[in-house]
Amino acid sequence: MEERFAKLVHEDLHGLDVTLETAQGYPSQQVVQQSNNLAAYLVFVGKREGLGSVARSVTREASCSVLTVPFIDSDDLEQTP
């Protein structure tokens, strides 16, 4: 995960103040708590299909903006024409 994040920051988010945080616990609670602790302006939440329970909870409870981003598996990329 750290490798993919580093690549994303280097290629697409260059020049932005970006932090990767990992935590244990209930995902939505941890995301909201960490975003509040960091005084984040924006949280990216990955989602696979629809708006899952974690993304839904974070968008409701976070004090900052939340952007949900579809998770694209590397296998899916290989199948794209």
PDB file of N, CA and C in Angstrom:
ATOM      1  N   MET A   1       0.819  -1.183   0.000  1.00  0.00           N
ATOM      2  CA  MET A   1       0.000   0.000   0.000  1.00  0.00           C
ATOM      3  C   MET A   1       0.872   1.259   0.000  1.00  0.00           C
ATOM      4  N   GLU A   2       1.916   1.265   0.822  1.00  0.00           N
ATOM      5  CA  GLU A   2       2.785   2.439   0.876  1.00  0.00           C
ATOM      6  C   GLU A   2       3.436   2.717  -0.466  1.00  0.00           C
ATOM      7  N   GLU A   3       3.765   1.654  -1.193  1.00  0.00           N
ATOM      8  CA  GLU A   3       4.390   1.798  -2.509  1.00  0.00           C
ATOM      9  C   GLU A   3       3.434   2.456  -3.499  1.00  0.00           C
ATOM     10  N   ARG A   4       2.181   2.011  -3.509  1.00  0.00           N
ATOM     11  CA  ARG A   4       1.174   2.591  -4.404  1.00  0.00           C
ATOM     12  C   ARG A   4       0.904   4.043  -4.047  1.00  0.00           C
ATOM     13  N   PHE A   5       0.874   4.330  -2.737  1.00  0.00           N
ATOM     14  CA  PHE A   5       0.646   5.698  -2.293  1.00  0.00           C
ATOM     15  C   PHE A   5       1.797   6.606  -2.720  1.00  0.00           C
ATOM     16  N   ALA A   6       3.025   6.137  -2.531  1.00  0.00           N
ATOM     17  CA  ALA A   6       4.204   6.924  -2.918  1.00  0.00           C
ATOM     18  C   ALA A   6       4.174   7.233  -4.414  1.00  0.00           C
ATOM     19  N   LYS A   7       3.778   6.253  -5.220  1.00  0.00           N
ATOM     20  CA  LYS A   7       3.691   6.453  -6.666  1.00  0.00           C
ATOM     21  C   LYS A   7       2.618   7.499  -7.000  1.00  0.00           C
ATOM     22  N   LEU A   8       1.474   7.408  -6.341  1.00  0.00           N
ATOM     23  CA  LEU A   8       0.397   8.366  -6.557  1.00  0.00           C
ATOM     24  C   LEU A   8       0.846   9.784  -6.212  1.00  0.00           C
ATOM     25  N   VAL A   9       1.502   9.945  -5.073  1.00  0.00           N
ATOM     26  CA  VAL A   9       1.969  11.271  -4.649  1.00  0.00           C
ATOM     27  C   VAL A   9       2.993  11.799  -5.637  1.00  0.00           C
ATOM     28  N   HIS A  10       3.906  10.956  -6.054  1.00  0.00           N
ATOM     29  CA  HIS A  10       4.965  11.390  -6.974  1.00  0.00           C
ATOM     30  C   HIS A  10       4.413  11.777  -8.347  1.00  0.00           C
ATOM     31  N   GLU A  11       3.479  10.981  -8.863  1.00  0.00           N
ATOM     32  CA  GLU A  11       2.995  11.177 -10.225  1.00  0.00           C
ATOM     33  C   GLU A  11       1.824  12.151 -10.335  1.00  0.00           C
ATOM     34  N   ASP A  12       0.901  12.098  -9.384  1.00  0.00           N
ATOM     35  CA  ASP A  12      -0.343  12.851  -9.550  1.00  0.00           C
ATOM     36  C   ASP A  12      -0.576  13.951  -8.517  1.00  0.00           C
ATOM     37  N   LEU A  13       0.066  13.858  -7.373  1.00  0.00           N
ATOM     38  CA  LEU A  13      -0.202  14.820  -6.306  1.00  0.00           C
ATOM     39  C   LEU A  13       1.033  15.627  -5.945  1.00  0.00           C
ATOM     40  N   HIS A  14       1.968  15.713  -6.867  1.00  0.00           N
ATOM     41  CA  HIS A  14       3.219  16.425  -6.635  1.00  0.00           C
ATOM     42  C   HIS A  14       2.950  17.866  -6.209  1.00  0.00           C
ATOM     43  N   GLY A  15       3.602  18.293  -5.147  1.00  0.00           N
ATOM     44  CA  GLY A  15       3.468  19.664  -4.677  1.00  0.00           C
ATOM     45  C   GLY A  15       2.393  19.866  -3.620  1.00  0.00           C
ATOM     46  N   LEU A  16       1.597  18.840  -3.364  1.00  0.00           N
ATOM     47  CA  LEU A  16       0.570  18.945  -2.331  1.00  0.00           C
ATOM     48  C   LEU A  16       1.090  18.365  -1.023  1.00  0.00           C
ATOM     49  N   ASP A  17       0.586  18.852   0.086  1.00  0.00           N
ATOM     50  CA  ASP A  17       0.942  18.326   1.393  1.00  0.00           C
ATOM     51  C   ASP A  17       0.037  17.126   1.661  1.00  0.00           C
ATOM     52  N   VAL A  18       0.562  15.932   1.432  1.00  0.00           N
ATOM     53  CA  VAL A  18      -0.216  14.702   1.503  1.00  0.00           C
ATOM     54  C   VAL A  18       0.378  13.791   2.566  1.00  0.00           C
ATOM     55  N   THR A  19      -0.494  13.173   3.362  1.00  0.00           N
ATOM     56  CA  THR A  19      -0.050  12.279   4.428  1.00  0.00           C
ATOM     57  C   THR A  19      -0.796  10.958   4.334  1.00  0.00           C
ATOM     58  N   LEU A  20      -0.077   9.856   4.468  1.00  0.00           N
ATOM     59  CA  LEU A  20      -0.688   8.537   4.566  1.00  0.00           C
ATOM     60  C   LEU A  20      -0.701   8.156   6.034  1.00  0.00           C
ATOM     61  N   GLU A  21      -1.870   7.864   6.548  1.00  0.00           N
ATOM     62  CA  GLU A  21      -2.013   7.460   7.940  1.00  0.00           C
ATOM     63  C   GLU A  21      -2.600   6.059   7.979  1.00  0.00           C
ATOM     64  N   THR A  22      -2.073   5.221   8.835  1.00  0.00           N
ATOM     65  CA  THR A  22      -2.638   3.894   9.046  1.00  0.00           C
ATOM     66  C   THR A  22      -3.012   3.768  10.516  1.00  0.00           C
ATOM     67  N   ALA A  23      -4.064   3.013  10.791  1.00  0.00           N
ATOM     68  CA  ALA A  23      -4.536   2.854  12.164  1.00  0.00           C
ATOM     69  C   ALA A  23      -5.292   1.540  12.277  1.00  0.00           C
ATOM     70  N   GLN A  24      -5.496   1.111  13.498  1.00  0.00           N
ATOM     71  CA  GLN A  24      -6.283  -0.086  13.754  1.00  0.00           C
ATOM     72  C   GLN A  24      -7.565   0.326  14.456  1.00  0.00           C
ATOM     73  N   GLY A  25      -8.627  -0.388  14.156  1.00  0.00           N
ATOM     74  CA  GLY A  25      -9.912  -0.094  14.769  1.00  0.00           C
ATOM     75  C   GLY A  25     -11.005  -0.107  13.724  1.00  0.00           C
ATOM     76  N   TYR A  26     -12.129   0.507  14.057  1.00  0.00           N
ATOM     77  CA  TYR A  26     -13.222   0.607  13.100  1.00  0.00           C
ATOM     78  C   TYR A  26     -12.834   1.634  12.034  1.00  0.00           C
ATOM     79  N   PRO A  27     -12.818   1.238  10.765  1.00  0.00           N
ATOM     80  CA  PRO A  27     -12.298   2.109   9.708  1.00  0.00           C
ATOM     81  C   PRO A  27     -12.909   3.507   9.677  1.00  0.00           C
ATOM     82  N   SER A  28     -14.230   3.612   9.689  1.00  0.00           N
ATOM     83  CA  SER A  28     -14.839   4.935   9.574  1.00  0.00           C
ATOM     84  C   SER A  28     -14.493   5.805  10.773  1.00  0.00           C
ATOM     85  N   GLN A  29     -14.503   5.234  11.967  1.00  0.00           N
ATOM     86  CA  GLN A  29     -14.154   6.002  13.164  1.00  0.00           C
ATOM     87  C   GLN A  29     -12.705   6.468  13.111  1.00  0.00           C
ATOM     88  N   GLN A  30     -11.812   5.607  12.654  1.00  0.00           N
ATOM     89  CA  GLN A  30     -10.399   5.962  12.577  1.00  0.00           C
ATOM     90  C   GLN A  30     -10.148   7.058  11.549  1.00  0.00           C
ATOM     91  N   VAL A  31     -10.818   6.975  10.403  1.00  0.00           N
ATOM     92  CA  VAL A  31     -10.636   7.991   9.365  1.00  0.00           C
ATOM     93  C   VAL A  31     -11.109   9.347   9.880  1.00  0.00           C
ATOM     94  N   VAL A  32     -12.285   9.387  10.492  1.00  0.00           N
ATOM     95  CA  VAL A  32     -12.825  10.646  11.011  1.00  0.00           C
ATOM     96  C   VAL A  32     -11.928  11.192  12.116  1.00  0.00           C
ATOM     97  N   GLN A  33     -11.524  10.333  13.041  1.00  0.00           N
ATOM     98  CA  GLN A  33     -10.671  10.767  14.146  1.00  0.00           C
ATOM     99  C   GLN A  33      -9.333  11.309  13.643  1.00  0.00           C
ATOM    100  N   GLN A  34      -8.698  10.589  12.723  1.00  0.00           N
ATOM    101  CA  GLN A  34      -7.407  11.033  12.194  1.00  0.00           C
ATOM    102  C   GLN A  34      -7.545  12.327  11.400  1.00  0.00           C
ATOM    103  N   SER A  35      -8.604  12.457  10.623  1.00  0.00           N
ATOM    104  CA  SER A  35      -8.777  13.688   9.847  1.00  0.00           C
ATOM    105  C   SER A  35      -8.987  14.881  10.773  1.00  0.00           C
ATOM    106  N   ASN A  36      -9.691  14.682  11.874  1.00  0.00           N
ATOM    107  CA  ASN A  36      -9.876  15.761  12.848  1.00  0.00           C
ATOM    108  C   ASN A  36      -8.565  16.085  13.555  1.00  0.00           C
ATOM    109  N   ASN A  37      -7.801  15.056  13.936  1.00  0.00           N
ATOM    110  CA  ASN A  37      -6.522  15.270  14.613  1.00  0.00           C
ATOM    111  C   ASN A  37      -5.532  16.020  13.727  1.00  0.00           C
ATOM    112  N   LEU A  38      -5.578  15.758  12.425  1.00  0.00           N
ATOM    113  CA  LEU A  38      -4.656  16.390  11.486  1.00  0.00           C
ATOM    114  C   LEU A  38      -5.178  17.721  10.950  1.00  0.00           C
ATOM    115  N   ALA A  39      -6.387  18.090  11.329  1.00  0.00           N
ATOM    116  CA  ALA A  39      -7.040  19.285  10.788  1.00  0.00           C
ATOM    117  C   ALA A  39      -7.017  19.246   9.252  1.00  0.00           C
ATOM    118  N   ALA A  40      -7.404  18.092   8.717  1.00  0.00           N
ATOM    119  CA  ALA A  40      -7.382  17.875   7.269  1.00  0.00           C
ATOM    120  C   ALA A  40      -8.412  18.751   6.566  1.00  0.00           C
ATOM    121  N   TYR A  41      -8.068  19.154   5.345  1.00  0.00           N
ATOM    122  CA  TYR A  41      -8.996  19.902   4.495  1.00  0.00           C
ATOM    123  C   TYR A  41      -9.810  18.959   3.614  1.00  0.00           C
ATOM    124  N   LEU A  42      -9.216  17.799   3.302  1.00  0.00           N
ATOM    125  CA  LEU A  42      -9.856  16.859   2.391  1.00  0.00           C
ATOM    126  C   LEU A  42      -9.401  15.447   2.725  1.00  0.00           C
ATOM    127  N   VAL A  43     -10.345  14.517   2.685  1.00  0.00           N
ATOM    128  CA  VAL A  43     -10.054  13.102   2.895  1.00  0.00           C
ATOM    129  C   VAL A  43     -10.469  12.354   1.635  1.00  0.00           C
ATOM    130  N   PHE A  44      -9.562  11.534   1.120  1.00  0.00           N
ATOM    131  CA  PHE A  44      -9.876  10.632   0.018  1.00  0.00           C
ATOM    132  C   PHE A  44     -10.266   9.289   0.610  1.00  0.00           C
ATOM    133  N   VAL A  45     -11.407   8.755   0.186  1.00  0.00           N
ATOM    134  CA  VAL A  45     -11.855   7.448   0.647  1.00  0.00           C
ATOM    135  C   VAL A  45     -12.058   6.576  -0.573  1.00  0.00           C
ATOM    136  N   GLY A  46     -11.346   5.459  -0.626  1.00  0.00           N
ATOM    137  CA  GLY A  46     -11.520   4.520  -1.723  1.00  0.00           C
ATOM    138  C   GLY A  46     -12.792   3.712  -1.536  1.00  0.00           C
ATOM    139  N   LYS A  47     -13.393   3.337  -2.637  1.00  0.00           N
ATOM    140  CA  LYS A  47     -14.594   2.505  -2.581  1.00  0.00           C
ATOM    141  C   LYS A  47     -14.581   1.525  -3.736  1.00  0.00           C
ATOM    142  N   ARG A  48     -15.120   0.361  -3.517  1.00  0.00           N
ATOM    143  CA  ARG A  48     -15.148  -0.660  -4.564  1.00  0.00           C
ATOM    144  C   ARG A  48     -16.423  -0.572  -5.393  1.00  0.00           C
ATOM    145  N   GLU A  49     -17.571  -0.741  -4.778  1.00  0.00           N
ATOM    146  CA  GLU A  49     -18.845  -0.708  -5.503  1.00  0.00           C
ATOM    147  C   GLU A  49     -19.843   0.133  -4.721  1.00  0.00           C
ATOM    148  N   GLY A  50     -20.543   1.000  -5.392  1.00  0.00           N
ATOM    149  CA  GLY A  50     -21.509   1.838  -4.696  1.00  0.00           C
ATOM    150  C   GLY A  50     -20.831   2.701  -3.648  1.00  0.00           C
ATOM    151  N   LEU A  51     -21.604   3.183  -2.712  1.00  0.00           N
ATOM    152  CA  LEU A  51     -21.048   3.939  -1.595  1.00  0.00           C
ATOM    153  C   LEU A  51     -21.146   3.046  -0.378  1.00  0.00           C
ATOM    154  N   GLY A  52     -20.039   2.398  -0.028  1.00  0.00           N
ATOM    155  CA  GLY A  52     -20.017   1.446   1.069  1.00  0.00           C
ATOM    156  C   GLY A  52     -20.253   2.101   2.411  1.00  0.00           C
ATOM    157  N   SER A  53     -20.374   1.264   3.442  1.00  0.00           N
ATOM    158  CA  SER A  53     -20.704   1.775   4.769  1.00  0.00           C
ATOM    159  C   SER A  53     -19.606   2.672   5.329  1.00  0.00           C
ATOM    160  N   VAL A  54     -18.344   2.368   5.046  1.00  0.00           N
ATOM    161  CA  VAL A  54     -17.247   3.203   5.553  1.00  0.00           C
ATOM    162  C   VAL A  54     -17.296   4.573   4.884  1.00  0.00           C
ATOM    163  N   ALA A  55     -17.355   4.600   3.565  1.00  0.00           N
ATOM    164  CA  ALA A  55     -17.395   5.874   2.843  1.00  0.00           C
ATOM    165  C   ALA A  55     -18.620   6.681   3.248  1.00  0.00           C
ATOM    166  N   ARG A  56     -19.766   6.030   3.388  1.00  0.00           N
ATOM    167  CA  ARG A  56     -21.001   6.718   3.776  1.00  0.00           C
ATOM    168  C   ARG A  56     -20.855   7.340   5.162  1.00  0.00           C
ATOM    169  N   SER A  57     -20.311   6.587   6.084  1.00  0.00           N
ATOM    170  CA  SER A  57     -20.139   7.079   7.455  1.00  0.00           C
ATOM    171  C   SER A  57     -19.144   8.237   7.511  1.00  0.00           C
ATOM    172  N   VAL A  58     -18.046   8.116   6.781  1.00  0.00           N
ATOM    173  CA  VAL A  58     -17.032   9.177   6.783  1.00  0.00           C
ATOM    174  C   VAL A  58     -17.603  10.456   6.178  1.00  0.00           C
ATOM    175  N   THR A  59     -18.343  10.356   5.091  1.00  0.00           N
ATOM    176  CA  THR A  59     -18.902  11.557   4.469  1.00  0.00           C
ATOM    177  C   THR A  59     -19.897  12.249   5.395  1.00  0.00           C
ATOM    178  N   ARG A  60     -20.589  11.492   6.230  1.00  0.00           N
ATOM    179  CA  ARG A  60     -21.550  12.087   7.172  1.00  0.00           C
ATOM    180  C   ARG A  60     -20.862  12.706   8.382  1.00  0.00           C
ATOM    181  N   GLU A  61     -19.799  12.068   8.883  1.00  0.00           N
ATOM    182  CA  GLU A  61     -19.242  12.446  10.178  1.00  0.00           C
ATOM    183  C   GLU A  61     -17.990  13.318  10.118  1.00  0.00           C
ATOM    184  N   ALA A  62     -17.295  13.340   9.008  1.00  0.00           N
ATOM    185  CA  ALA A  62     -16.043  14.107   8.935  1.00  0.00           C
ATOM    186  C   ALA A  62     -16.341  15.606   8.954  1.00  0.00           C
ATOM    187  N   SER A  63     -15.435  16.353   9.576  1.00  0.00           N
ATOM    188  CA  SER A  63     -15.620  17.801   9.642  1.00  0.00           C
ATOM    189  C   SER A  63     -15.005  18.504   8.429  1.00  0.00           C
ATOM    190  N   CYS A  64     -14.373  17.734   7.549  1.00  0.00           N
ATOM    191  CA  CYS A  64     -13.796  18.303   6.330  1.00  0.00           C
ATOM    192  C   CYS A  64     -14.484  17.682   5.115  1.00  0.00           C
ATOM    193  N   SER A  65     -14.098  18.133   3.948  1.00  0.00           N
ATOM    194  CA  SER A  65     -14.642  17.570   2.715  1.00  0.00           C
ATOM    195  C   SER A  65     -14.127  16.150   2.517  1.00  0.00           C
ATOM    196  N   VAL A  66     -14.936  15.310   1.899  1.00  0.00           N
ATOM    197  CA  VAL A  66     -14.574  13.920   1.639  1.00  0.00           C
ATOM    198  C   VAL A  66     -14.798  13.642   0.156  1.00  0.00           C
ATOM    199  N   LEU A  67     -13.785  13.083  -0.476  1.00  0.00           N
ATOM    200  CA  LEU A  67     -13.875  12.703  -1.878  1.00  0.00           C
ATOM    201  C   LEU A  67     -13.800  11.193  -1.960  1.00  0.00           C
ATOM    202  N   THR A  68     -14.856  10.565  -2.481  1.00  0.00           N
ATOM    203  CA  THR A  68     -14.838   9.118  -2.656  1.00  0.00           C
ATOM    204  C   THR A  68     -14.289   8.803  -4.038  1.00  0.00           C
ATOM    205  N   VAL A  69     -13.360   7.867  -4.073  1.00  0.00           N
ATOM    206  CA  VAL A  69     -12.652   7.537  -5.303  1.00  0.00           C
ATOM    207  C   VAL A  69     -12.811   6.040  -5.568  1.00  0.00           C
ATOM    208  N   PRO A  70     -13.286   5.672  -6.769  1.00  0.00           N
ATOM    209  CA  PRO A  70     -13.405   4.252  -7.075  1.00  0.00           C
ATOM    210  C   PRO A  70     -12.046   3.569  -7.034  1.00  0.00           C
ATOM    211  N   PHE A  71     -12.008   2.415  -6.394  1.00  0.00           N
ATOM    212  CA  PHE A  71     -10.792   1.622  -6.336  1.00  0.00           C
ATOM    213  C   PHE A  71     -10.700   0.821  -7.620  1.00  0.00           C
ATOM    214  N   ILE A  72      -9.590   0.957  -8.328  1.00  0.00           N
ATOM    215  CA  ILE A  72      -9.383   0.218  -9.564  1.00  0.00           C
ATOM    216  C   ILE A  72      -8.293  -0.807  -9.314  1.00  0.00           C
ATOM    217  N   ASP A  73      -8.657  -2.054  -9.419  1.00  0.00           N
ATOM    218  CA  ASP A  73      -7.700  -3.141  -9.236  1.00  0.00           C
ATOM    219  C   ASP A  73      -6.774  -3.196 -10.443  1.00  0.00           C
ATOM    220  N   SER A  74      -5.526  -3.549 -10.233  1.00  0.00           N
ATOM    221  CA  SER A  74      -4.566  -3.613 -11.338  1.00  0.00           C
ATOM    222  C   SER A  74      -5.017  -4.612 -12.404  1.00  0.00           C
ATOM    223  N   ASP A  75      -5.752  -5.665 -12.006  1.00  0.00           N
ATOM    224  CA  ASP A  75      -6.277  -6.622 -12.984  1.00  0.00           C
ATOM    225  C   ASP A  75      -7.295  -5.953 -13.901  1.00  0.00           C
ATOM    226  N   ASP A  76      -8.091  -5.027 -13.347  1.00  0.00           N
ATOM    227  CA  ASP A  76      -9.085  -4.313 -14.151  1.00  0.00           C
ATOM    228  C   ASP A  76      -8.398  -3.431 -15.201  1.00  0.00           C
ATOM    229  N   LEU A  77      -7.274  -2.829 -14.843  1.00  0.00           N
ATOM    230  CA  LEU A  77      -6.551  -1.963 -15.775  1.00  0.00           C
ATOM    231  C   LEU A  77      -6.043  -2.738 -16.979  1.00  0.00           C
ATOM    232  N   GLU A  78      -5.606  -3.955 -16.749  1.00  0.00           N
ATOM    233  CA  GLU A  78      -5.085  -4.782 -17.834  1.00  0.00           C
ATOM    234  C   GLU A  78      -6.177  -5.172 -18.821  1.00  0.00           C
ATOM    235  N   GLN A  79      -7.434  -5.225 -18.374  1.00  0.00           N
ATOM    236  CA  GLN A  79      -8.545  -5.636 -19.215  1.00  0.00           C
ATOM    237  C   GLN A  79      -9.166  -4.456 -19.950  1.00  0.00           C
ATOM    238  N   THR A  80      -8.802  -3.215 -19.590  1.00  0.00           N
ATOM    239  CA  THR A  80      -9.374  -2.038 -20.232  1.00  0.00           C
ATOM    240  C   THR A  80      -8.823  -1.894 -21.645  1.00  0.00           C
ATOM    241  N   PRO A  81      -9.717  -1.691 -22.645  1.00  0.00           N
ATOM    242  CA  PRO A  81      -9.235  -1.567 -24.043  1.00  0.00           C
ATOM    243  C   PRO A  81      -8.449  -0.301 -24.268  1.00  0.00           C
TER     244      PRO A  81
END
